[in-house]
């Protein structure tokens, strides 16, 4: 059974940092491209970042230079380090594997 469990969300002031983590199980994690998406209220989910099995990464322009995606194949986890957070980063963040989604974790950036 494929399972993705996100953690690390919360509230932070503008300019602060959060680190999201996604623990995966039930599929061949080492050969999977993993991604983070986010969903703003009333909007569809949008791509944030991905990392392929070789460690290649891609980011949406709005987070480049602020967010970093990384994977740990031994632990079967993928992390999203978010620095210099802005009000506009407030959203529910979802981990994605090739076939499904995690349950999401709320990130709120507020002064």
N, C-alpha and C. Protein backbone atom coordinates (compact mmCIF):
# COMPACT_ATOMS: atom_id res chain seq x y z
N UNK A 1 0.84 -1.20 0.00
CA UNK A 1 0.00 0.00 0.00
C UNK A 1 0.88 1.24 0.00
N UNK A 2 0.66 2.10 -1.00
CA UNK A 2 1.43 3.33 -1.10
C UNK A 2 0.97 4.30 -0.03
N UNK A 3 1.93 4.86 0.68
CA UNK A 3 1.59 5.82 1.72
C UNK A 3 2.63 6.95 1.75
N UNK A 4 2.12 8.17 1.87
CA UNK A 4 2.95 9.36 2.01
C UNK A 4 2.45 10.11 3.22
N UNK A 5 3.35 10.42 4.14
CA UNK A 5 2.97 11.14 5.36
C UNK A 5 3.84 12.38 5.49
N UNK A 6 3.18 13.55 5.39
CA UNK A 6 3.91 14.80 5.52
C UNK A 6 3.96 15.26 6.97
N UNK A 7 4.98 16.02 7.29
CA UNK A 7 5.10 16.62 8.62
C UNK A 7 5.92 17.89 8.48
N UNK A 8 5.87 18.73 9.53
CA UNK A 8 6.72 19.90 9.57
C UNK A 8 6.04 21.22 9.28
N UNK A 9 4.77 21.19 8.95
CA UNK A 9 4.07 22.44 8.71
C UNK A 9 3.87 23.22 9.99
N UNK A 10 3.38 24.44 9.85
CA UNK A 10 3.13 25.26 11.02
C UNK A 10 3.03 26.72 10.64
N UNK A 11 3.17 27.57 11.65
CA UNK A 11 3.09 29.01 11.47
C UNK A 11 4.45 29.64 11.69
N UNK A 12 4.74 30.64 10.87
CA UNK A 12 6.03 31.31 10.96
C UNK A 12 5.86 32.74 10.50
N UNK A 13 6.71 33.61 10.98
CA UNK A 13 6.68 35.00 10.55
C UNK A 13 7.37 35.16 9.20
N UNK A 14 7.03 36.20 8.47
CA UNK A 14 7.73 36.46 7.20
C UNK A 14 9.24 36.52 7.42
N UNK A 15 9.96 35.93 6.50
CA UNK A 15 11.40 35.84 6.62
C UNK A 15 11.89 34.62 7.34
N UNK A 16 10.98 33.88 7.95
CA UNK A 16 11.34 32.69 8.70
C UNK A 16 11.50 31.47 7.82
N UNK A 17 11.75 30.34 8.48
CA UNK A 17 12.01 29.09 7.77
C UNK A 17 11.17 27.95 8.35
N UNK A 18 10.85 27.01 7.49
CA UNK A 18 10.23 25.76 7.90
C UNK A 18 10.82 24.64 7.06
N UNK A 19 10.81 23.44 7.62
CA UNK A 19 11.28 22.28 6.87
C UNK A 19 10.17 21.24 6.87
N UNK A 20 9.68 20.92 5.68
CA UNK A 20 8.67 19.88 5.53
C UNK A 20 9.36 18.56 5.23
N UNK A 21 8.77 17.49 5.71
CA UNK A 21 9.29 16.17 5.43
C UNK A 21 8.15 15.25 4.99
N UNK A 22 8.48 14.33 4.12
CA UNK A 22 7.50 13.37 3.62
C UNK A 22 8.10 11.97 3.72
N UNK A 23 7.46 11.12 4.48
CA UNK A 23 7.91 9.74 4.63
C UNK A 23 7.11 8.85 3.71
N UNK A 24 7.80 8.08 2.88
CA UNK A 24 7.14 7.27 1.86
C UNK A 24 7.28 5.78 2.16
N UNK A 25 6.28 5.04 1.73
CA UNK A 25 6.34 3.59 1.86
C UNK A 25 5.41 2.96 0.83
N UNK A 26 5.67 1.68 0.53
CA UNK A 26 4.77 0.94 -0.35
C UNK A 26 5.10 0.99 -1.82
N UNK A 27 6.21 1.59 -2.19
CA UNK A 27 6.62 1.62 -3.59
C UNK A 27 8.14 1.76 -3.64
N UNK A 28 8.68 1.63 -4.86
CA UNK A 28 10.13 1.71 -5.03
C UNK A 28 10.57 3.16 -5.01
N UNK A 29 10.80 3.67 -3.79
CA UNK A 29 11.11 5.08 -3.62
C UNK A 29 12.37 5.48 -4.39
N UNK A 30 13.38 4.63 -4.37
CA UNK A 30 14.67 5.00 -4.95
C UNK A 30 14.59 5.29 -6.45
N UNK A 31 13.60 4.78 -7.13
CA UNK A 31 13.49 4.99 -8.56
C UNK A 31 12.38 5.98 -8.91
N UNK A 32 11.83 6.65 -7.92
CA UNK A 32 10.69 7.53 -8.14
C UNK A 32 11.10 9.00 -8.12
N UNK A 33 10.52 9.75 -9.03
CA UNK A 33 10.59 11.21 -8.95
C UNK A 33 9.57 11.66 -7.92
N UNK A 34 10.04 12.44 -6.97
CA UNK A 34 9.17 12.93 -5.90
C UNK A 34 8.99 14.44 -6.04
N UNK A 35 7.85 14.92 -5.61
CA UNK A 35 7.55 16.33 -5.80
C UNK A 35 6.76 16.89 -4.62
N UNK A 36 6.82 18.20 -4.51
CA UNK A 36 5.97 18.96 -3.59
C UNK A 36 5.07 19.87 -4.41
N UNK A 37 3.82 19.93 -4.01
CA UNK A 37 2.85 20.84 -4.58
C UNK A 37 2.27 21.65 -3.43
N UNK A 38 1.57 22.71 -3.78
CA UNK A 38 0.84 23.48 -2.76
C UNK A 38 -0.49 23.94 -3.32
N UNK A 39 -1.39 24.19 -2.41
CA UNK A 39 -2.73 24.61 -2.79
C UNK A 39 -3.14 25.81 -1.97
N UNK A 40 -3.44 26.91 -2.66
CA UNK A 40 -3.95 28.11 -2.01
C UNK A 40 -5.47 27.97 -1.87
N UNK A 41 -6.07 28.67 -0.92
CA UNK A 41 -7.53 28.59 -0.74
C UNK A 41 -8.27 28.92 -2.03
N UNK A 42 -9.15 28.04 -2.43
CA UNK A 42 -9.96 28.28 -3.62
C UNK A 42 -9.24 28.08 -4.94
N UNK A 43 -8.01 27.58 -4.89
CA UNK A 43 -7.23 27.38 -6.10
C UNK A 43 -6.88 25.91 -6.28
N UNK A 44 -6.45 25.56 -7.49
CA UNK A 44 -5.98 24.22 -7.74
C UNK A 44 -4.54 24.07 -7.22
N UNK A 45 -4.15 22.83 -7.01
CA UNK A 45 -2.78 22.58 -6.58
C UNK A 45 -1.80 23.02 -7.65
N UNK A 46 -0.68 23.57 -7.20
CA UNK A 46 0.34 23.99 -8.14
C UNK A 46 1.69 23.36 -7.77
N UNK A 47 2.48 23.13 -8.78
CA UNK A 47 3.79 22.55 -8.62
C UNK A 47 4.71 23.50 -7.85
N UNK A 48 5.51 22.93 -6.95
CA UNK A 48 6.50 23.72 -6.22
C UNK A 48 7.92 23.27 -6.56
N UNK A 49 8.18 21.97 -6.42
CA UNK A 49 9.54 21.46 -6.64
C UNK A 49 9.49 19.97 -6.87
N UNK A 50 10.51 19.45 -7.57
CA UNK A 50 10.64 18.02 -7.73
C UNK A 50 12.11 17.62 -7.66
N UNK A 51 12.31 16.33 -7.38
CA UNK A 51 13.64 15.76 -7.40
C UNK A 51 13.56 14.38 -8.03
N UNK A 52 14.41 14.13 -8.99
CA UNK A 52 14.37 12.84 -9.68
C UNK A 52 15.31 11.85 -8.98
N UNK A 53 15.32 10.59 -9.43
CA UNK A 53 16.14 9.58 -8.75
C UNK A 53 17.64 9.88 -8.74
N UNK A 54 18.10 10.69 -9.69
CA UNK A 54 19.53 11.02 -9.73
C UNK A 54 19.86 12.29 -8.96
N UNK A 55 18.84 12.89 -8.36
CA UNK A 55 19.06 14.11 -7.59
C UNK A 55 18.86 15.39 -8.36
N UNK A 56 18.47 15.28 -9.62
CA UNK A 56 18.14 16.47 -10.38
C UNK A 56 16.90 17.15 -9.84
N UNK A 57 16.90 18.46 -9.80
CA UNK A 57 15.82 19.21 -9.19
C UNK A 57 15.23 20.24 -10.14
N UNK A 58 14.01 20.64 -9.85
CA UNK A 58 13.35 21.71 -10.58
C UNK A 58 12.42 22.44 -9.62
N UNK A 59 12.25 23.74 -9.83
CA UNK A 59 11.45 24.56 -8.94
C UNK A 59 10.57 25.51 -9.74
N UNK A 60 9.43 25.85 -9.16
CA UNK A 60 8.65 26.93 -9.73
C UNK A 60 9.42 28.23 -9.50
N UNK A 61 9.29 29.17 -10.42
CA UNK A 61 10.11 30.38 -10.36
C UNK A 61 9.95 31.13 -9.03
N UNK A 62 8.76 31.13 -8.48
CA UNK A 62 8.49 31.94 -7.29
C UNK A 62 9.23 31.47 -6.05
N UNK A 63 9.77 30.25 -6.06
CA UNK A 63 10.49 29.75 -4.87
C UNK A 63 11.97 29.54 -5.12
N UNK A 64 12.41 29.74 -6.34
CA UNK A 64 13.84 29.54 -6.64
C UNK A 64 14.72 30.43 -5.76
N UNK A 65 15.75 29.82 -5.20
CA UNK A 65 16.64 30.55 -4.31
C UNK A 65 16.17 30.61 -2.88
N UNK A 66 14.94 30.19 -2.63
CA UNK A 66 14.40 30.21 -1.25
C UNK A 66 14.10 28.81 -0.73
N UNK A 67 13.64 27.92 -1.61
CA UNK A 67 13.28 26.57 -1.22
C UNK A 67 14.31 25.58 -1.78
N UNK A 68 14.52 24.50 -1.03
CA UNK A 68 15.43 23.45 -1.47
C UNK A 68 14.79 22.09 -1.21
N UNK A 69 14.71 21.28 -2.25
CA UNK A 69 14.18 19.93 -2.12
C UNK A 69 15.35 18.96 -2.03
N UNK A 70 15.20 17.94 -1.19
CA UNK A 70 16.26 16.94 -1.02
C UNK A 70 15.62 15.60 -0.70
N UNK A 71 16.34 14.55 -1.03
CA UNK A 71 15.81 13.21 -0.75
C UNK A 71 16.83 12.39 0.01
N UNK A 72 16.33 11.45 0.79
CA UNK A 72 17.16 10.50 1.51
C UNK A 72 16.63 9.11 1.14
N UNK A 73 17.31 8.46 0.22
CA UNK A 73 16.81 7.17 -0.25
C UNK A 73 16.88 6.09 0.84
N UNK A 74 17.85 6.19 1.73
CA UNK A 74 17.94 5.19 2.79
C UNK A 74 16.75 5.29 3.74
N UNK A 75 16.32 6.51 4.03
CA UNK A 75 15.19 6.72 4.93
C UNK A 75 13.86 6.79 4.20
N UNK A 76 13.92 6.84 2.85
CA UNK A 76 12.71 6.98 2.03
C UNK A 76 11.93 8.23 2.43
N UNK A 77 12.64 9.33 2.47
CA UNK A 77 12.01 10.60 2.78
C UNK A 77 12.42 11.66 1.75
N UNK A 78 11.54 12.62 1.59
CA UNK A 78 11.85 13.78 0.76
C UNK A 78 11.51 15.02 1.58
N UNK A 79 12.40 15.98 1.60
CA UNK A 79 12.24 17.17 2.42
C UNK A 79 12.14 18.40 1.55
N UNK A 80 11.49 19.41 2.08
CA UNK A 80 11.42 20.71 1.43
C UNK A 80 11.83 21.75 2.48
N UNK A 81 13.03 22.29 2.32
CA UNK A 81 13.52 23.35 3.19
C UNK A 81 13.05 24.67 2.61
N UNK A 82 12.29 25.40 3.41
CA UNK A 82 11.71 26.66 2.96
C UNK A 82 12.29 27.80 3.77
N UNK A 83 13.04 28.67 3.14
CA UNK A 83 13.65 29.82 3.78
C UNK A 83 13.06 31.12 3.22
N UNK A 84 13.30 32.19 3.92
CA UNK A 84 12.80 33.51 3.48
C UNK A 84 11.33 33.44 3.11
N UNK A 85 10.54 32.83 3.97
CA UNK A 85 9.12 32.64 3.67
C UNK A 85 8.39 33.97 3.59
N UNK A 86 7.41 34.00 2.71
CA UNK A 86 6.61 35.18 2.44
C UNK A 86 5.14 34.87 2.71
N UNK A 87 4.34 35.94 2.93
CA UNK A 87 2.90 35.75 3.12
C UNK A 87 2.32 34.88 1.98
N UNK A 88 2.84 35.09 0.77
CA UNK A 88 2.29 34.42 -0.40
C UNK A 88 2.61 32.93 -0.43
N UNK A 89 3.44 32.46 0.49
CA UNK A 89 3.73 31.03 0.56
C UNK A 89 2.71 30.28 1.43
N UNK A 90 1.79 31.01 2.04
CA UNK A 90 0.77 30.37 2.86
C UNK A 90 -0.10 29.46 2.00
N UNK A 91 -0.15 28.19 2.34
CA UNK A 91 -0.88 27.20 1.55
C UNK A 91 -0.82 25.86 2.27
N UNK A 92 -1.57 24.92 1.74
CA UNK A 92 -1.42 23.52 2.16
C UNK A 92 -0.41 22.87 1.21
N UNK A 93 0.60 22.24 1.76
CA UNK A 93 1.67 21.64 0.97
C UNK A 93 1.48 20.13 0.93
N UNK A 94 1.59 19.57 -0.27
CA UNK A 94 1.37 18.15 -0.49
C UNK A 94 2.63 17.51 -1.08
N UNK A 95 2.92 16.33 -0.59
CA UNK A 95 3.97 15.48 -1.17
C UNK A 95 3.32 14.61 -2.23
N UNK A 96 4.05 14.39 -3.33
CA UNK A 96 3.50 13.58 -4.41
C UNK A 96 4.51 12.55 -4.88
N UNK A 97 4.03 11.34 -5.08
CA UNK A 97 4.83 10.29 -5.71
C UNK A 97 4.24 10.03 -7.08
N UNK A 98 4.78 9.08 -7.84
CA UNK A 98 4.26 8.88 -9.20
C UNK A 98 2.79 8.51 -9.29
N UNK A 99 2.21 8.02 -8.19
CA UNK A 99 0.83 7.55 -8.31
C UNK A 99 -0.12 8.20 -7.32
N UNK A 100 0.36 8.99 -6.39
CA UNK A 100 -0.57 9.53 -5.42
C UNK A 100 -0.06 10.71 -4.64
N UNK A 101 -0.82 11.08 -3.61
CA UNK A 101 -0.60 12.27 -2.83
C UNK A 101 -0.60 11.95 -1.35
N UNK A 102 0.12 12.77 -0.58
CA UNK A 102 -0.03 12.74 0.85
C UNK A 102 -1.26 13.51 1.28
N UNK A 103 -1.45 13.61 2.59
CA UNK A 103 -2.67 14.24 3.10
C UNK A 103 -2.55 15.75 3.18
N UNK A 104 -1.35 16.27 3.08
CA UNK A 104 -1.13 17.71 3.11
C UNK A 104 -0.77 18.22 4.49
N UNK A 105 -0.02 19.31 4.52
CA UNK A 105 0.34 19.96 5.78
C UNK A 105 0.26 21.47 5.57
N UNK A 106 -0.35 22.14 6.54
CA UNK A 106 -0.60 23.58 6.43
C UNK A 106 0.66 24.37 6.77
N UNK A 107 0.96 25.33 5.92
CA UNK A 107 2.02 26.31 6.18
C UNK A 107 1.38 27.69 6.18
N UNK A 108 1.56 28.41 7.28
CA UNK A 108 1.00 29.75 7.41
C UNK A 108 2.12 30.73 7.71
N UNK A 109 2.23 31.74 6.86
CA UNK A 109 3.23 32.79 7.05
C UNK A 109 2.49 34.07 7.40
N UNK A 110 2.67 34.52 8.63
CA UNK A 110 1.88 35.65 9.10
C UNK A 110 2.66 36.42 10.16
N UNK A 111 2.50 37.73 10.12
CA UNK A 111 3.13 38.56 11.13
C UNK A 111 2.16 38.86 12.25
